[in-house]
Amino acid sequence: MENIKKKKNNLDAIIKVLETYNINANDLKKLNELQIIKQKNLDIIKLLTKLESGFKSKKIKFVTAEETQEKILKILNDIVPATKKNNKKNKEQQNLENNINS
């Protein structure tokens, strides 16, 4: 029973802070998106550090470097949205590939 009261008090305190600073749902969504981008940036830095240390120690293989590069590019594609022009080209290319495969 005490845990429920503590949780309710914590929620009330959080709501009070949000109301005090006029923080709405859109602000919270943007904050969440920024946290995701921050985490992805940290992932990229970790992978780049891994590559750098691998090259310095000469223990990295070409395949490993390629895999790490692909991971970095995938994360970057998630973070940086493509421009509309690139999206249109990608859709046209996918349609062409689908027509060829059909």
PDB file of N, CA and C in Angstrom:
ATOM      1  N   MET A   1       0.819  -1.195   0.000  1.00  0.00           N
ATOM      2  CA  MET A   1       0.000   0.000   0.000  1.00  0.00           C
ATOM      3  C   MET A   1       0.864   1.261   0.000  1.00  0.00           C
ATOM      4  N   GLU A   2       1.980   1.190   0.750  1.00  0.00           N
ATOM      5  CA  GLU A   2       2.873   2.345   0.799  1.00  0.00           C
ATOM      6  C   GLU A   2       3.501   2.621  -0.564  1.00  0.00           C
ATOM      7  N   ASN A   3       3.829   1.540  -1.289  1.00  0.00           N
ATOM      8  CA  ASN A   3       4.421   1.710  -2.616  1.00  0.00           C
ATOM      9  C   ASN A   3       3.480   2.455  -3.551  1.00  0.00           C
ATOM     10  N   ILE A   4       2.196   2.145  -3.467  1.00  0.00           N
ATOM     11  CA  ILE A   4       1.205   2.808  -4.321  1.00  0.00           C
ATOM     12  C   ILE A   4       1.146   4.299  -3.988  1.00  0.00           C
ATOM     13  N   LYS A   5       1.171   4.630  -2.690  1.00  0.00           N
ATOM     14  CA  LYS A   5       1.145   6.039  -2.284  1.00  0.00           C
ATOM     15  C   LYS A   5       2.402   6.771  -2.756  1.00  0.00           C
ATOM     16  N   LYS A   6       3.565   6.099  -2.645  1.00  0.00           N
ATOM     17  CA  LYS A   6       4.817   6.718  -3.082  1.00  0.00           C
ATOM     18  C   LYS A   6       4.790   6.979  -4.580  1.00  0.00           C
ATOM     19  N   LYS A   7       4.295   5.991  -5.344  1.00  0.00           N
ATOM     20  CA  LYS A   7       4.219   6.157  -6.794  1.00  0.00           C
ATOM     21  C   LYS A   7       3.279   7.295  -7.160  1.00  0.00           C
ATOM     22  N   LYS A   8       2.145   7.372  -6.453  1.00  0.00           N
ATOM     23  CA  LYS A   8       1.185   8.436  -6.724  1.00  0.00           C
ATOM     24  C   LYS A   8       1.792   9.793  -6.396  1.00  0.00           C
ATOM     25  N   ASN A   9       2.501   9.881  -5.269  1.00  0.00           N
ATOM     26  CA  ASN A   9       3.157  11.140  -4.902  1.00  0.00           C
ATOM     27  C   ASN A   9       4.226  11.525  -5.925  1.00  0.00           C
ATOM     28  N   ASN A  10       4.978  10.535  -6.401  1.00  0.00           N
ATOM     29  CA  ASN A  10       5.995  10.803  -7.419  1.00  0.00           C
ATOM     30  C   ASN A  10       5.355  11.315  -8.703  1.00  0.00           C
ATOM     31  N   LEU A  11       4.262  10.676  -9.121  1.00  0.00           N
ATOM     32  CA  LEU A  11       3.561  11.125 -10.328  1.00  0.00           C
ATOM     33  C   LEU A  11       3.009  12.532 -10.151  1.00  0.00           C
ATOM     34  N   ASP A  12       2.452  12.807  -8.978  1.00  0.00           N
ATOM     35  CA  ASP A  12       1.932  14.146  -8.711  1.00  0.00           C
ATOM     36  C   ASP A  12       3.045  15.188  -8.777  1.00  0.00           C
ATOM     37  N   ALA A  13       4.206  14.851  -8.237  1.00  0.00           N
ATOM     38  CA  ALA A  13       5.345  15.776  -8.267  1.00  0.00           C
ATOM     39  C   ALA A  13       5.807  16.015  -9.705  1.00  0.00           C
ATOM     40  N   ILE A  14       5.852  14.951 -10.494  1.00  0.00           N
ATOM     41  CA  ILE A  14       6.257  15.083 -11.898  1.00  0.00           C
ATOM     42  C   ILE A  14       5.265  15.958 -12.652  1.00  0.00           C
ATOM     43  N   ILE A  15       3.987  15.716 -12.455  1.00  0.00           N
ATOM     44  CA  ILE A  15       2.949  16.513 -13.121  1.00  0.00           C
ATOM     45  C   ILE A  15       3.063  17.983 -12.723  1.00  0.00           C
ATOM     46  N   LYS A  16       3.330  18.231 -11.451  1.00  0.00           N
ATOM     47  CA  LYS A  16       3.458  19.609 -10.971  1.00  0.00           C
ATOM     48  C   LYS A  16       4.632  20.316 -11.651  1.00  0.00           C
ATOM     49  N   VAL A  17       5.758  19.631 -11.776  1.00  0.00           N
ATOM     50  CA  VAL A  17       6.925  20.219 -12.446  1.00  0.00           C
ATOM     51  C   VAL A  17       6.606  20.502 -13.911  1.00  0.00           C
ATOM     52  N   LEU A  18       5.957  19.547 -14.582  1.00  0.00           N
ATOM     53  CA  LEU A  18       5.606  19.740 -15.990  1.00  0.00           C
ATOM     54  C   LEU A  18       4.677  20.936 -16.170  1.00  0.00           C
ATOM     55  N   GLU A  19       3.703  21.055 -15.286  1.00  0.00           N
ATOM     56  CA  GLU A  19       2.773  22.179 -15.377  1.00  0.00           C
ATOM     57  C   GLU A  19       3.462  23.503 -15.068  1.00  0.00           C
ATOM     58  N   THR A  20       4.388  23.487 -14.114  1.00  0.00           N
ATOM     59  CA  THR A  20       5.107  24.707 -13.734  1.00  0.00           C
ATOM     60  C   THR A  20       5.885  25.276 -14.909  1.00  0.00           C
ATOM     61  N   TYR A  21       6.524  24.407 -15.677  1.00  0.00           N
ATOM     62  CA  TYR A  21       7.347  24.856 -16.797  1.00  0.00           C
ATOM     63  C   TYR A  21       6.612  24.801 -18.136  1.00  0.00           C
ATOM     64  N   ASN A  22       5.304  24.616 -18.102  1.00  0.00           N
ATOM     65  CA  ASN A  22       4.472  24.577 -19.316  1.00  0.00           C
ATOM     66  C   ASN A  22       4.989  23.573 -20.341  1.00  0.00           C
ATOM     67  N   ILE A  23       5.332  22.396 -19.882  1.00  0.00           N
ATOM     68  CA  ILE A  23       5.815  21.334 -20.762  1.00  0.00           C
ATOM     69  C   ILE A  23       4.621  20.485 -21.169  1.00  0.00           C
ATOM     70  N   ASN A  24       4.423  20.351 -22.487  1.00  0.00           N
ATOM     71  CA  ASN A  24       3.284  19.578 -22.975  1.00  0.00           C
ATOM     72  C   ASN A  24       3.745  18.273 -23.623  1.00  0.00           C
ATOM     73  N   ALA A  25       2.808  17.532 -24.169  1.00  0.00           N
ATOM     74  CA  ALA A  25       3.108  16.220 -24.756  1.00  0.00           C
ATOM     75  C   ALA A  25       4.064  16.340 -25.940  1.00  0.00           C
ATOM     76  N   ASN A  26       3.906  17.384 -26.747  1.00  0.00           N
ATOM     77  CA  ASN A  26       4.808  17.574 -27.895  1.00  0.00           C
ATOM     78  C   ASN A  26       6.246  17.786 -27.439  1.00  0.00           C
ATOM     79  N   ASP A  27       6.408  18.552 -26.365  1.00  0.00           N
ATOM     80  CA  ASP A  27       7.753  18.770 -25.823  1.00  0.00           C
ATOM     81  C   ASP A  27       8.364  17.457 -25.345  1.00  0.00           C
ATOM     82  N   LEU A  28       7.549  16.635 -24.712  1.00  0.00           N
ATOM     83  CA  LEU A  28       8.046  15.344 -24.225  1.00  0.00           C
ATOM     84  C   LEU A  28       8.414  14.421 -25.382  1.00  0.00           C
ATOM     85  N   LYS A  29       7.631  14.469 -26.467  1.00  0.00           N
ATOM     86  CA  LYS A  29       7.953  13.660 -27.644  1.00  0.00           C
ATOM     87  C   LYS A  29       9.282  14.096 -28.251  1.00  0.00           C
ATOM     88  N   LYS A  30       9.465  15.420 -28.361  1.00  0.00           N
ATOM     89  CA  LYS A  30      10.719  15.940 -28.915  1.00  0.00           C
ATOM     90  C   LYS A  30      11.904  15.555 -28.034  1.00  0.00           C
ATOM     91  N   LEU A  31      11.701  15.629 -26.729  1.00  0.00           N
ATOM     92  CA  LEU A  31      12.757  15.246 -25.793  1.00  0.00           C
ATOM     93  C   LEU A  31      13.116  13.777 -25.945  1.00  0.00           C
ATOM     94  N   ASN A  32      12.105  12.953 -26.115  1.00  0.00           N
ATOM     95  CA  ASN A  32      12.330  11.522 -26.322  1.00  0.00           C
ATOM     96  C   ASN A  32      13.096  11.278 -27.623  1.00  0.00           C
ATOM     97  N   GLU A  33      12.728  11.984 -28.684  1.00  0.00           N
ATOM     98  CA  GLU A  33      13.435  11.856 -29.966  1.00  0.00           C
ATOM     99  C   GLU A  33      14.897  12.270 -29.823  1.00  0.00           C
ATOM    100  N   LEU A  34      15.142  13.334 -29.069  1.00  0.00           N
ATOM    101  CA  LEU A  34      16.518  13.780 -28.850  1.00  0.00           C
ATOM    102  C   LEU A  34      17.320  12.748 -28.062  1.00  0.00           C
ATOM    103  N   GLN A  35      16.679  12.105 -27.101  1.00  0.00           N
ATOM    104  CA  GLN A  35      17.357  11.055 -26.332  1.00  0.00           C
ATOM    105  C   GLN A  35      17.742   9.890 -27.239  1.00  0.00           C
ATOM    106  N   ILE A  36      16.851   9.533 -28.159  1.00  0.00           N
ATOM    107  CA  ILE A  36      17.133   8.444 -29.098  1.00  0.00           C
ATOM    108  C   ILE A  36      18.309   8.825 -29.993  1.00  0.00           C
ATOM    109  N   ILE A  37      18.308  10.056 -30.496  1.00  0.00           N
ATOM    110  CA  ILE A  37      19.407  10.520 -31.348  1.00  0.00           C
ATOM    111  C   ILE A  37      20.715  10.523 -30.564  1.00  0.00           C
ATOM    112  N   LYS A  38      20.655  10.965 -29.318  1.00  0.00           N
ATOM    113  CA  LYS A  38      21.859  10.981 -28.480  1.00  0.00           C
ATOM    114  C   LYS A  38      22.419   9.574 -28.324  1.00  0.00           C
ATOM    115  N   GLN A  39      21.543   8.606 -28.062  1.00  0.00           N
ATOM    116  CA  GLN A  39      21.997   7.224 -27.889  1.00  0.00           C
ATOM    117  C   GLN A  39      22.608   6.680 -29.177  1.00  0.00           C
ATOM    118  N   LYS A  40      21.999   6.996 -30.302  1.00  0.00           N
ATOM    119  CA  LYS A  40      22.536   6.529 -31.584  1.00  0.00           C
ATOM    120  C   LYS A  40      23.893   7.170 -31.867  1.00  0.00           C
ATOM    121  N   ASN A  41      24.051   8.440 -31.497  1.00  0.00           N
ATOM    122  CA  ASN A  41      25.347   9.100 -31.656  1.00  0.00           C
ATOM    123  C   ASN A  41      26.406   8.416 -30.800  1.00  0.00           C
ATOM    124  N   LEU A  42      26.038   8.048 -29.584  1.00  0.00           N
ATOM    125  CA  LEU A  42      26.975   7.335 -28.714  1.00  0.00           C
ATOM    126  C   LEU A  42      27.344   5.982 -29.308  1.00  0.00           C
ATOM    127  N   ASP A  43      26.372   5.319 -29.933  1.00  0.00           N
ATOM    128  CA  ASP A  43      26.648   4.038 -30.591  1.00  0.00           C
ATOM    129  C   ASP A  43      27.648   4.215 -31.731  1.00  0.00           C
ATOM    130  N   ILE A  44      27.484   5.287 -32.502  1.00  0.00           N
ATOM    131  CA  ILE A  44      28.404   5.561 -33.609  1.00  0.00           C
ATOM    132  C   ILE A  44      29.809   5.825 -33.075  1.00  0.00           C
ATOM    133  N   ILE A  45      29.903   6.623 -32.030  1.00  0.00           N
ATOM    134  CA  ILE A  45      31.215   6.920 -31.445  1.00  0.00           C
ATOM    135  C   ILE A  45      31.883   5.642 -30.951  1.00  0.00           C
ATOM    136  N   LYS A  46      31.100   4.775 -30.347  1.00  0.00           N
ATOM    137  CA  LYS A  46      31.634   3.497 -29.858  1.00  0.00           C
ATOM    138  C   LYS A  46      32.181   2.659 -31.022  1.00  0.00           C
ATOM    139  N   LEU A  47      31.423   2.594 -32.116  1.00  0.00           N
ATOM    140  CA  LEU A  47      31.867   1.826 -33.282  1.00  0.00           C
ATOM    141  C   LEU A  47      33.110   2.442 -33.926  1.00  0.00           C
ATOM    142  N   LEU A  48      33.156   3.770 -34.003  1.00  0.00           N
ATOM    143  CA  LEU A  48      34.331   4.429 -34.573  1.00  0.00           C
ATOM    144  C   LEU A  48      35.566   4.207 -33.705  1.00  0.00           C
ATOM    145  N   THR A  49      35.383   4.219 -32.397  1.00  0.00           N
ATOM    146  CA  THR A  49      36.492   3.947 -31.482  1.00  0.00           C
ATOM    147  C   THR A  49      36.988   2.523 -31.660  1.00  0.00           C
ATOM    148  N   LYS A  50      36.042   1.607 -31.845  1.00  0.00           N
ATOM    149  CA  LYS A  50      36.404   0.205 -32.075  1.00  0.00           C
ATOM    150  C   LYS A  50      37.232   0.073 -33.357  1.00  0.00           C
ATOM    151  N   LEU A  51      36.808   0.767 -34.403  1.00  0.00           N
ATOM    152  CA  LEU A  51      37.556   0.742 -35.663  1.00  0.00           C
ATOM    153  C   LEU A  51      38.959   1.323 -35.489  1.00  0.00           C
ATOM    154  N   GLU A  52      39.030   2.458 -34.828  1.00  0.00           N
ATOM    155  CA  GLU A  52      40.319   3.118 -34.635  1.00  0.00           C
ATOM    156  C   GLU A  52      41.288   2.232 -33.857  1.00  0.00           C
ATOM    157  N   SER A  53      40.814   1.658 -32.763  1.00  0.00           N
ATOM    158  CA  SER A  53      41.703   0.806 -31.966  1.00  0.00           C
ATOM    159  C   SER A  53      42.088  -0.450 -32.739  1.00  0.00           C
ATOM    160  N   GLY A  54      41.180  -0.952 -33.556  1.00  0.00           N
ATOM    161  CA  GLY A  54      41.485  -2.119 -34.379  1.00  0.00           C
ATOM    162  C   GLY A  54      42.555  -1.833 -35.412  1.00  0.00           C
ATOM    163  N   PHE A  55      42.476  -0.650 -36.019  1.00  0.00           N
ATOM    164  CA  PHE A  55      43.491  -0.278 -37.009  1.00  0.00           C
ATOM    165  C   PHE A  55      44.849  -0.031 -36.349  1.00  0.00           C
ATOM    166  N   LYS A  56      44.825   0.587 -35.165  1.00  0.00           N
ATOM    167  CA  LYS A  56      46.086   0.864 -34.473  1.00  0.00           C
ATOM    168  C   LYS A  56      46.795  -0.426 -34.074  1.00  0.00           C
ATOM    169  N   SER A  57      46.021  -1.393 -33.601  1.00  0.00           N
ATOM    170  CA  SER A  57      46.625  -2.657 -33.163  1.00  0.00           C
ATOM    171  C   SER A  57      46.805  -3.637 -34.316  1.00  0.00           C
ATOM    172  N   LYS A  58      46.306  -3.254 -35.488  1.00  0.00           N
ATOM    173  CA  LYS A  58      46.387  -4.081 -36.702  1.00  0.00           C
ATOM    174  C   LYS A  58      45.741  -5.452 -36.499  1.00  0.00           C
ATOM    175  N   LYS A  59      44.708  -5.486 -35.670  1.00  0.00           N
ATOM    176  CA  LYS A  59      43.992  -6.738 -35.415  1.00  0.00           C
ATOM    177  C   LYS A  59      42.643  -6.777 -36.120  1.00  0.00           C
ATOM    178  N   ILE A  60      42.358  -5.770 -36.903  1.00  0.00           N
ATOM    179  CA  ILE A  60      41.051  -5.709 -37.556  1.00  0.00           C
ATOM    180  C   ILE A  60      41.165  -6.275 -38.970  1.00  0.00           C
ATOM    181  N   LYS A  61      40.146  -7.013 -39.344  1.00  0.00           N
ATOM    182  CA  LYS A  61      40.106  -7.592 -40.689  1.00  0.00           C
ATOM    183  C   LYS A  61      39.208  -6.727 -41.563  1.00  0.00           C
ATOM    184  N   PHE A  62      39.375  -6.872 -42.853  1.00  0.00           N
ATOM    185  CA  PHE A  62      38.591  -6.083 -43.804  1.00  0.00           C
ATOM    186  C   PHE A  62      37.098  -6.330 -43.618  1.00  0.00           C
ATOM    187  N   VAL A  63      36.727  -7.585 -43.417  1.00  0.00           N
ATOM    188  CA  VAL A  63      35.309  -7.929 -43.259  1.00  0.00           C
ATOM    189  C   VAL A  63      34.737  -7.255 -42.014  1.00  0.00           C
ATOM    190  N   THR A  64      35.492  -7.270 -40.931  1.00  0.00           N
ATOM    191  CA  THR A  64      35.039  -6.631 -39.695  1.00  0.00           C
ATOM    192  C   THR A  64      34.876  -5.130 -39.897  1.00  0.00           C
ATOM    193  N   ALA A  65      35.811  -4.523 -40.599  1.00  0.00           N
ATOM    194  CA  ALA A  65      35.724  -3.087 -40.877  1.00  0.00           C
ATOM    195  C   ALA A  65      34.492  -2.776 -41.723  1.00  0.00           C
ATOM    196  N   GLU A  66      34.218  -3.617 -42.712  1.00  0.00           N
ATOM    197  CA  GLU A  66      33.030  -3.418 -43.556  1.00  0.00           C
ATOM    198  C   GLU A  66      31.749  -3.545 -42.741  1.00  0.00           C
ATOM    199  N   GLU A  67      31.690  -4.552 -41.863  1.00  0.00           N
ATOM    200  CA  GLU A  67      30.500  -4.751 -41.034  1.00  0.00           C
ATOM    201  C   GLU A  67      30.277  -3.555 -40.116  1.00  0.00           C
ATOM    202  N   THR A  68      31.353  -3.060 -39.536  1.00  0.00           N
ATOM    203  CA  THR A  68      31.245  -1.896 -38.658  1.00  0.00           C
ATOM    204  C   THR A  68      30.788  -0.679 -39.446  1.00  0.00           C
ATOM    205  N   GLN A  69      31.314  -0.513 -40.645  1.00  0.00           N
ATOM    206  CA  GLN A  69      30.907   0.600 -41.499  1.00  0.00           C
ATOM    207  C   GLN A  69      29.417   0.503 -41.824  1.00  0.00           C
ATOM    208  N   GLU A  70      28.937  -0.698 -42.120  1.00  0.00           N
ATOM    209  CA  GLU A  70      27.516  -0.880 -42.425  1.00  0.00           C
ATOM    210  C   GLU A  70      26.652  -0.531 -41.220  1.00  0.00           C
ATOM    211  N   LYS A  71      27.097  -0.915 -40.017  1.00  0.00           N
ATOM    212  CA  LYS A  71      26.344  -0.582 -38.804  1.00  0.00           C
ATOM    213  C   LYS A  71      26.264   0.927 -38.622  1.00  0.00           C
ATOM    214  N   ILE A  72      27.389   1.597 -38.839  1.00  0.00           N
ATOM    215  CA  ILE A  72      27.422   3.058 -38.696  1.00  0.00           C
ATOM    216  C   ILE A  72      26.487   3.712 -39.707  1.00  0.00           C
ATOM    217  N   LEU A  73      26.539   3.264 -40.951  1.00  0.00           N
ATOM    218  CA  LEU A  73      25.669   3.841 -41.986  1.00  0.00           C
ATOM    219  C   LEU A  73      24.196   3.602 -41.686  1.00  0.00           C
ATOM    220  N   LYS A  74      23.877   2.428 -41.155  1.00  0.00           N
ATOM    221  CA  LYS A  74      22.489   2.133 -40.805  1.00  0.00           C
ATOM    222  C   LYS A  74      22.003   3.081 -39.709  1.00  0.00           C
ATOM    223  N   ILE A  75      22.842   3.292 -38.693  1.00  0.00           N
ATOM    224  CA  ILE A  75      22.472   4.206 -37.611  1.00  0.00           C
ATOM    225  C   ILE A  75      22.312   5.623 -38.153  1.00  0.00           C
ATOM    226  N   LEU A  76      23.231   6.038 -39.021  1.00  0.00           N
ATOM    227  CA  LEU A  76      23.144   7.378 -39.605  1.00  0.00           C
ATOM    228  C   LEU A  76      21.874   7.549 -40.433  1.00  0.00           C
ATOM    229  N   ASN A  77      21.490   6.524 -41.162  1.00  0.00           N
ATOM    230  CA  ASN A  77      20.252   6.601 -41.947  1.00  0.00           C
ATOM    231  C   ASN A  77      19.038   6.749 -41.047  1.00  0.00           C
ATOM    232  N   ASP A  78      19.087   6.148 -39.862  1.00  0.00           N
ATOM    233  CA  ASP A  78      17.985   6.303 -38.918  1.00  0.00           C
ATOM    234  C   ASP A  78      17.935   7.721 -38.355  1.00  0.00           C
ATOM    235  N   ILE A  79      19.109   8.298 -38.128  1.00  0.00           N
ATOM    236  CA  ILE A  79      19.176   9.619 -37.509  1.00  0.00           C
ATOM    237  C   ILE A  79      18.864  10.723 -38.509  1.00  0.00           C
ATOM    238  N   VAL A  80      19.517  10.675 -39.659  1.00  0.00           N
ATOM    239  CA  VAL A  80      19.393  11.742 -40.653  1.00  0.00           C
ATOM    240  C   VAL A  80      18.396  11.314 -41.718  1.00  0.00           C
ATOM    241  N   PRO A  81      17.228  11.935 -41.737  1.00  0.00           N
ATOM    242  CA  PRO A  81      16.243  11.554 -42.753  1.00  0.00           C
ATOM    243  C   PRO A  81      16.705  11.981 -44.142  1.00  0.00           C
ATOM    244  N   ALA A  82      16.368  11.170 -45.105  1.00  0.00           N
ATOM    245  CA  ALA A  82      16.724  11.482 -46.493  1.00  0.00           C
ATOM    246  C   ALA A  82      15.881  12.653 -46.976  1.00  0.00           C
ATOM    247  N   THR A  83      16.409  13.382 -47.932  1.00  0.00           N
ATOM    248  CA  THR A  83      15.647  14.489 -48.497  1.00  0.00           C
ATOM    249  C   THR A  83      14.507  13.931 -49.344  1.00  0.00           C
ATOM    250  N   LYS A  84      13.546  14.768 -49.657  1.00  0.00           N
ATOM    251  CA  LYS A  84      12.400  14.323 -50.452  1.00  0.00           C
ATOM    252  C   LYS A  84      12.843  13.837 -51.822  1.00  0.00           C
ATOM    253  N   LYS A  85      13.831  14.513 -52.389  1.00  0.00           N
ATOM    254  CA  LYS A  85      14.327  14.124 -53.705  1.00  0.00           C
ATOM    255  C   LYS A  85      14.909  12.714 -53.648  1.00  0.00           C
ATOM    256  N   ASN A  86      15.696  12.435 -52.620  1.00  0.00           N
ATOM    257  CA  ASN A  86      16.276  11.102 -52.465  1.00  0.00           C
ATOM    258  C   ASN A  86      15.198  10.063 -52.203  1.00  0.00           C
ATOM    259  N   ASN A  87      14.188  10.431 -51.423  1.00  0.00           N
ATOM    260  CA  ASN A  87      13.092   9.502 -51.164  1.00  0.00           C
ATOM    261  C   ASN A  87      12.378   9.139 -52.456  1.00  0.00           C
ATOM    262  N   LYS A  88      12.171  10.141 -53.321  1.00  0.00           N
ATOM    263  CA  LYS A  88      11.499   9.893 -54.594  1.00  0.00           C
ATOM    264  C   LYS A  88      12.337   8.953 -55.454  1.00  0.00           C
ATOM    265  N   LYS A  89      13.651   9.191 -55.504  1.00  0.00           N
ATOM    266  CA  LYS A  89      14.535   8.318 -56.278  1.00  0.00           C
ATOM    267  C   LYS A  89      14.521   6.901 -55.718  1.00  0.00           C
ATOM    268  N   ASN A  90      14.541   6.782 -54.395  1.00  0.00           N
ATOM    269  CA  ASN A  90      14.526   5.460 -53.770  1.00  0.00           C
ATOM    270  C   ASN A  90      13.234   4.719 -54.082  1.00  0.00           C
ATOM    271  N   LYS A  91      12.103   5.433 -54.040  1.00  0.00           N
ATOM    272  CA  LYS A  91      10.821   4.799 -54.354  1.00  0.00           C
ATOM    273  C   LYS A  91      10.780   4.349 -55.807  1.00  0.00           C
ATOM    274  N   GLU A  92      11.287   5.200 -56.701  1.00  0.00           N
ATOM    275  CA  GLU A  92      11.316   4.833 -58.117  1.00  0.00           C
ATOM    276  C   GLU A  92      12.202   3.617 -58.339  1.00  0.00           C
ATOM    277  N   GLN A  93      13.331   3.579 -57.653  1.00  0.00           N
ATOM    278  CA  GLN A  93      14.245   2.447 -57.789  1.00  0.00           C
ATOM    279  C   GLN A  93      13.613   1.174 -57.227  1.00  0.00           C
ATOM    280  N   GLN A  94      12.921   1.285 -56.091  1.00  0.00           N
ATOM    281  CA  GLN A  94      12.243   0.123 -55.517  1.00  0.00           C
ATOM    282  C   GLN A  94      11.148  -0.376 -56.450  1.00  0.00           C
ATOM    283  N   ASN A  95      10.389   0.545 -57.040  1.00  0.00           N
ATOM    284  CA  ASN A  95       9.340   0.149 -57.978  1.00  0.00           C
ATOM    285  C   ASN A  95       9.934  -0.567 -59.180  1.00  0.00           C
ATOM    286  N   LEU A  96      11.040  -0.052 -59.685  1.00  0.00           N
ATOM    287  CA  LEU A  96      11.717  -0.678 -60.811  1.00  0.00           C
ATOM    288  C   LEU A  96      12.198  -2.081 -60.440  1.00  0.00           C
ATOM    289  N   GLU A  97      12.794  -2.216 -59.262  1.00  0.00           N
ATOM    290  CA  GLU A  97      13.265  -3.526 -58.805  1.00  0.00           C
ATOM    291  C   GLU A  97      12.098  -4.494 -58.619  1.00  0.00           C
ATOM    292  N   ASN A  98      10.992  -3.997 -58.082  1.00  0.00           N
ATOM    293  CA  ASN A  98       9.812  -4.844 -57.894  1.00  0.00           C
ATOM    294  C   ASN A  98       9.261  -5.315 -59.232  1.00  0.00           C
ATOM    295  N   ASN A  99       9.257  -4.413 -60.225  1.00  0.00           N
ATOM    296  CA  ASN A  99       8.772  -4.787 -61.555  1.00  0.00           C
ATOM    297  C   ASN A  99       9.678  -5.825 -62.199  1.00  0.00           C
ATOM    298  N   ILE A 100      10.978  -5.678 -61.994  1.00  0.00           N
ATOM    299  CA  ILE A 100      11.930  -6.645 -62.550  1.00  0.00           C
ATOM    300  C   ILE A 100      11.763  -8.004 -61.878  1.00  0.00           C
ATOM    301  N   ASN A 101      11.572  -7.995 -60.568  1.00  0.00           N
ATOM    302  CA  ASN A 101      11.430  -9.248 -59.811  1.00  0.00           C
ATOM    303  C   ASN A 101      10.092  -9.934 -60.054  1.00  0.00           C
ATOM    304  N   SER A 102       9.113  -9.177 -60.522  1.00  0.00           N
ATOM    305  CA  SER A 102       7.771  -9.757 -60.733  1.00  0.00           C
ATOM    306  C   SER A 102       7.701 -10.602 -61.970  1.00  0.00           C
TER     307      SER A 102
END
